Amino acid sequence: MASAADRDPRQHTQKMQKALTDIKNHLREDIHKVDEPQLKAMFETSAEVLEGLAKAFRDYEQKNEAAWR
């Protein structure tokens, strides 16, 4: 049976935000480690997408968007 803390949506949204932010930061660091322009673009695009996902989790948590109210 899940505990009350496990049922708290904020616990899950915060974990996901951290994981997404960690991967985003890793991608941005690796941009400087590769030479291929297409891979640099892929890393930057992926980082932007993950940033958007982390924002979506924040918006859900804070009920900033009409869809989350």
N, C-alpha and C. Protein backbone atom coordinates (compact mmCIF):
# COMPACT_ATOMS: atom_id res chain seq x y z
N MET A 1 0.83 -1.18 0.00
CA MET A 1 0.00 0.00 0.00
C MET A 1 0.88 1.25 0.00
N ALA A 2 0.54 2.21 -0.79
CA ALA A 2 1.31 3.45 -0.91
C ALA A 2 1.08 4.32 0.31
N SER A 3 2.15 4.95 0.79
CA SER A 3 2.04 5.84 1.93
C SER A 3 1.43 7.18 1.49
N ALA A 4 1.08 7.99 2.46
CA ALA A 4 0.52 9.31 2.14
C ALA A 4 1.52 10.14 1.35
N ALA A 5 2.80 10.04 1.71
CA ALA A 5 3.84 10.79 0.98
C ALA A 5 3.93 10.32 -0.47
N ASP A 6 3.78 9.02 -0.69
CA ASP A 6 3.83 8.48 -2.05
C ASP A 6 2.66 8.97 -2.89
N ARG A 7 1.57 9.29 -2.24
CA ARG A 7 0.38 9.75 -2.95
C ARG A 7 0.41 11.25 -3.24
N ASP A 8 1.34 11.95 -2.62
CA ASP A 8 1.44 13.40 -2.81
C ASP A 8 1.99 13.70 -4.20
N PRO A 9 1.20 14.31 -5.07
CA PRO A 9 1.67 14.60 -6.43
C PRO A 9 2.93 15.46 -6.47
N ARG A 10 3.10 16.35 -5.50
CA ARG A 10 4.28 17.24 -5.50
C ARG A 10 5.57 16.45 -5.37
N GLN A 11 5.54 15.37 -4.61
CA GLN A 11 6.74 14.54 -4.47
C GLN A 11 7.16 14.02 -5.84
N HIS A 12 6.20 13.59 -6.63
CA HIS A 12 6.50 13.03 -7.95
C HIS A 12 6.88 14.12 -8.95
N THR A 13 6.17 15.25 -8.92
CA THR A 13 6.51 16.32 -9.87
C THR A 13 7.89 16.87 -9.60
N GLN A 14 8.27 16.98 -8.33
CA GLN A 14 9.59 17.49 -8.00
C GLN A 14 10.70 16.52 -8.42
N LYS A 15 10.46 15.23 -8.25
CA LYS A 15 11.45 14.23 -8.70
C LYS A 15 11.64 14.30 -10.22
N MET A 16 10.53 14.43 -10.94
CA MET A 16 10.61 14.50 -12.40
C MET A 16 11.31 15.77 -12.84
N GLN A 17 11.01 16.89 -12.19
CA GLN A 17 11.68 18.15 -12.54
C GLN A 17 13.18 18.03 -12.35
N LYS A 18 13.60 17.43 -11.26
CA LYS A 18 15.03 17.26 -11.01
C LYS A 18 15.67 16.36 -12.06
N ALA A 19 15.03 15.24 -12.37
CA ALA A 19 15.58 14.32 -13.37
C ALA A 19 15.69 15.00 -14.73
N LEU A 20 14.65 15.72 -15.14
CA LEU A 20 14.67 16.41 -16.42
C LEU A 20 15.74 17.49 -16.45
N THR A 21 15.87 18.23 -15.36
CA THR A 21 16.88 19.28 -15.28
C THR A 21 18.29 18.71 -15.32
N ASP A 22 18.50 17.59 -14.63
CA ASP A 22 19.81 16.94 -14.65
C ASP A 22 20.20 16.52 -16.07
N ILE A 23 19.28 15.92 -16.78
CA ILE A 23 19.56 15.48 -18.16
C ILE A 23 19.78 16.69 -19.06
N LYS A 24 18.94 17.72 -18.89
CA LYS A 24 19.10 18.95 -19.69
C LYS A 24 20.49 19.54 -19.48
N ASN A 25 20.94 19.62 -18.23
CA ASN A 25 22.26 20.17 -17.94
C ASN A 25 23.37 19.31 -18.54
N HIS A 26 23.21 18.01 -18.48
CA HIS A 26 24.19 17.09 -19.06
C HIS A 26 24.29 17.31 -20.57
N LEU A 27 23.16 17.43 -21.23
CA LEU A 27 23.16 17.68 -22.68
C LEU A 27 23.89 18.98 -23.00
N ARG A 28 23.59 20.02 -22.25
CA ARG A 28 24.22 21.32 -22.52
C ARG A 28 25.72 21.27 -22.28
N GLU A 29 26.17 20.54 -21.27
CA GLU A 29 27.60 20.38 -21.02
C GLU A 29 28.27 19.62 -22.17
N ASP A 30 27.58 18.61 -22.69
CA ASP A 30 28.17 17.78 -23.75
C ASP A 30 28.22 18.49 -25.10
N ILE A 31 27.46 19.56 -25.27
CA ILE A 31 27.52 20.32 -26.53
C ILE A 31 28.95 20.76 -26.80
N HIS A 32 29.66 21.10 -25.74
CA HIS A 32 31.04 21.60 -25.88
C HIS A 32 32.06 20.48 -26.05
N LYS A 33 31.60 19.24 -25.93
CA LYS A 33 32.52 18.10 -26.00
C LYS A 33 32.51 17.41 -27.36
N VAL A 34 31.57 17.78 -28.21
CA VAL A 34 31.47 17.13 -29.52
C VAL A 34 31.73 18.16 -30.62
N ASP A 35 32.16 17.66 -31.77
CA ASP A 35 32.50 18.53 -32.89
C ASP A 35 31.42 18.58 -33.96
N GLU A 36 30.61 17.56 -34.04
CA GLU A 36 29.63 17.46 -35.13
C GLU A 36 28.48 18.46 -34.92
N PRO A 37 28.27 19.38 -35.86
CA PRO A 37 27.22 20.40 -35.72
C PRO A 37 25.82 19.81 -35.56
N GLN A 38 25.55 18.72 -36.26
CA GLN A 38 24.22 18.12 -36.16
C GLN A 38 23.97 17.56 -34.75
N LEU A 39 25.00 16.97 -34.16
CA LEU A 39 24.86 16.44 -32.81
C LEU A 39 24.72 17.57 -31.80
N LYS A 40 25.46 18.65 -32.00
CA LYS A 40 25.31 19.83 -31.13
C LYS A 40 23.86 20.34 -31.20
N ALA A 41 23.32 20.40 -32.39
CA ALA A 41 21.94 20.85 -32.57
C ALA A 41 20.96 19.89 -31.90
N MET A 42 21.21 18.59 -32.03
CA MET A 42 20.35 17.60 -31.39
C MET A 42 20.38 17.75 -29.88
N PHE A 43 21.57 17.96 -29.32
CA PHE A 43 21.70 18.14 -27.88
C PHE A 43 20.95 19.40 -27.42
N GLU A 44 21.13 20.49 -28.16
CA GLU A 44 20.46 21.74 -27.77
C GLU A 44 18.94 21.61 -27.90
N THR A 45 18.48 21.01 -28.98
CA THR A 45 17.04 20.81 -29.16
C THR A 45 16.47 19.94 -28.05
N SER A 46 17.17 18.88 -27.71
CA SER A 46 16.73 17.98 -26.64
C SER A 46 16.69 18.73 -25.31
N ALA A 47 17.68 19.55 -25.04
CA ALA A 47 17.71 20.33 -23.80
C ALA A 47 16.52 21.27 -23.73
N GLU A 48 16.18 21.90 -24.85
CA GLU A 48 15.03 22.81 -24.89
C GLU A 48 13.73 22.06 -24.62
N VAL A 49 13.59 20.88 -25.20
CA VAL A 49 12.38 20.06 -24.98
C VAL A 49 12.27 19.67 -23.51
N LEU A 50 13.38 19.25 -22.92
CA LEU A 50 13.36 18.85 -21.51
C LEU A 50 13.05 20.05 -20.61
N GLU A 51 13.54 21.21 -20.98
CA GLU A 51 13.23 22.43 -20.23
C GLU A 51 11.72 22.70 -20.27
N GLY A 52 11.12 22.50 -21.43
CA GLY A 52 9.67 22.67 -21.56
C GLY A 52 8.90 21.66 -20.73
N LEU A 53 9.37 20.42 -20.69
CA LEU A 53 8.72 19.41 -19.87
C LEU A 53 8.83 19.74 -18.38
N ALA A 54 10.00 20.18 -17.95
CA ALA A 54 10.17 20.57 -16.54
C ALA A 54 9.23 21.72 -16.20
N LYS A 55 9.06 22.67 -17.12
CA LYS A 55 8.13 23.78 -16.91
C LYS A 55 6.71 23.27 -16.80
N ALA A 56 6.35 22.31 -17.61
CA ALA A 56 5.00 21.74 -17.55
C ALA A 56 4.74 21.11 -16.17
N PHE A 57 5.73 20.43 -15.62
CA PHE A 57 5.59 19.85 -14.28
C PHE A 57 5.45 20.96 -13.24
N ARG A 58 6.24 22.05 -13.37
CA ARG A 58 6.12 23.17 -12.43
C ARG A 58 4.74 23.81 -12.54
N ASP A 59 4.27 24.01 -13.77
CA ASP A 59 2.96 24.60 -13.97
C ASP A 59 1.86 23.73 -13.37
N TYR A 60 1.99 22.42 -13.52
CA TYR A 60 1.01 21.51 -12.92
C TYR A 60 1.03 21.66 -11.40
N GLU A 61 2.23 21.67 -10.84
CA GLU A 61 2.38 21.76 -9.39
C GLU A 61 1.80 23.07 -8.85
N GLN A 62 2.03 24.15 -9.57
CA GLN A 62 1.59 25.47 -9.12
C GLN A 62 0.21 25.85 -9.66
N LYS A 63 -0.36 24.98 -10.48
CA LYS A 63 -1.68 25.22 -11.10
C LYS A 63 -1.68 26.54 -11.87
N ASN A 64 -0.57 26.81 -12.60
CA ASN A 64 -0.41 28.05 -13.35
C ASN A 64 -1.21 28.08 -14.66
N GLU A 65 -1.52 26.93 -15.18
CA GLU A 65 -2.21 26.85 -16.47
C GLU A 65 -3.65 26.41 -16.25
N ALA A 66 -4.52 26.89 -17.11
CA ALA A 66 -5.94 26.56 -16.99
C ALA A 66 -6.17 25.04 -17.03
N ALA A 67 -5.36 24.34 -17.80
CA ALA A 67 -5.54 22.87 -17.91
C ALA A 67 -5.32 22.16 -16.59
N TRP A 68 -4.56 22.76 -15.69
CA TRP A 68 -4.23 22.09 -14.41
C TRP A 68 -5.12 22.55 -13.26
N ARG A 69 -6.08 23.39 -13.55
CA ARG A 69 -6.98 23.87 -12.47
C ARG A 69 -8.19 22.99 -12.35
